[in-house]
Amino acid sequence: MKEARSLQQIAEACGVTMHEKDRMARLLGIALDEVAPGRARVSMTVRDDMANSIGTCHGGIIFALADCAFAYSCNRRNRKTVAAGAGIDFVSAARPGDRLTAIAEERALVGRTGIYVVRVVDQSDGLVAFFRGRARGVAGTVLSEPEESTDSEESAAPEAAEKSKKR
């Protein structure tokens, strides 16, 4: 019989598993710095080949960084979760050589729908962008086997949680 893990252990296992399979994150040089219940932090250094025609970091690169943090934070319960919508506001420019960090936090989770906010900051903690994402739980799990939590929060086994909510 498999020993139950804490929500933190499940979140970490989901984050590592997802990051290992995320070829885009590896291509961009995105590091998974932290994943915890309701939170994830990723970072990357802006390279010269990430600059747009005016010499600043391309907005799509910043969006991709924020999206990675969003994905790791909303999949941390071991329920496969996909983006149902997202938007970003760019506040200041990033340039090649800047170290960007995206910090995602869960703001609401009702049933299979979650709302997340992501702050993207530079190495001086200056705000670069603000991202808001809406996630939707789908069938399946991130880890190969469903996990049971030792914590009192919602079980990481999505099918059991969903069935109990329908009763």
Foldseek 3Di string as FASTA:
>chain_A
DDDFAALFVLLVVLLVLVVVVDPVCVVQVKDFDGTGAFKTKIKGAAAQVQADPVAFGDPVSVVVQQVSRVLSNLQSLFFHKDWPDKDKDFDDTHGGGWMKMKMKGWDDDDQFKTKIKIFIATPVRHTGMIMITIMGTDDGGSDPDQHAHPDPPDGSRNVVSNVVVVD
